Amino acid sequence: MSQEERSEALIEVLAALEQSTIDFVLVGGYAVSQFETRFSTDLDLVIAPEDTEAVVTFLENHHFERKSELEVPPEETIYNREIELFERTEGLPHPIGVDLLVNGLGCRQTEAEWSFDYLRDHSSTRTISGGTQSTTAPVADGEVLVAAKLHSARKTDLADVLAAVPYVEFTSVAAHLHRGDEDALREQLESAQEFIEEGGLDHRFKSMFGQSSASPDDIDALLEFIREQQ
C-alpha cells in the first residue's frame, strides 16, 4: 500500500466523520497540509469529553481498534491531555491510525493548554487532501498550530511551523503563544532558535516536505519572531 493510498484511506475516514454529528477539530500533520502537502499515517482529532463514546463507536464501525500503548513515551510527545489511540489494519497491508485528544491540546514541556472550546473558536473549515481524495473539515487555525508547535519545539514541529510561515499573522500567533510556564516556554524558544541558527531547520524541512530548499526569507521571519518572544 503506497503512501498515497494510506492518505486516501484516512481522508475517506475524515470525510465520513465530517458528515456525522460529532464535533471535532483537526490538528497534527493533516492540519499542516492546509499549507504544504505533508504525509502522515494518522489523523489527530481534538474532541469534547462528552463526545468520546460517540467517536469511539464511529471508529469501531470503521474497523479501527483501540491501541493499548503509545508508540513513544508520553514525556516525548507534545500532548499533555488524555490520548486515545486507534489503528485500522483490516484490509490494509499497512496500518492507519486516529489519535483522539480529549478536551484540547496541552504541551508537556511548558504546561500550556488550548481547550477544545478554544480550538473550536479558533478553527475554520478547510479543504484537506490526501492522494486523489479530498474533503472539508474543521481545522485549527494556523496561528494556533504554530503557537502549540513552538511550545513543543521538536524538530518535526519546527518544520511544520516553517511551512505555515507564509500564511499566518505573527501578531495573532503571539496571542496564542504566551501561556503556561513562561520560563519553560523561553527555554523552548531558545532551543528552537539554536536549532534554526545552526542550519538544522532547512534540512528537516526539505526531508519532510520534499522541497529542494526552504525559503531563506521565511526562516529569517521565523527567527525574528522567536527572538522577539523571548
Foldseek 3Di string as FASTA:
>chain_A
DDLLVLQQVQQVLQQVVQPDPFDWAWAPDQLLVLQADFGDQETEIEGEPVCVVVVVVSVVVVQKDWDDDDPDPPLLDQFDADKTKIWHDVPHPDIGIYIYGYQFGAGPQFRFTQGRVNQQVQWDWDWTDGNPDIDIDTYGDLLLLLLSLLLSLDLLSVLSNLSCQVPDDLVSNLVNRPDGHLVSSLVSLVSNLVCVVVPNNFVSNCVRRVDPTGDPVSSVVVNVSSVVSD
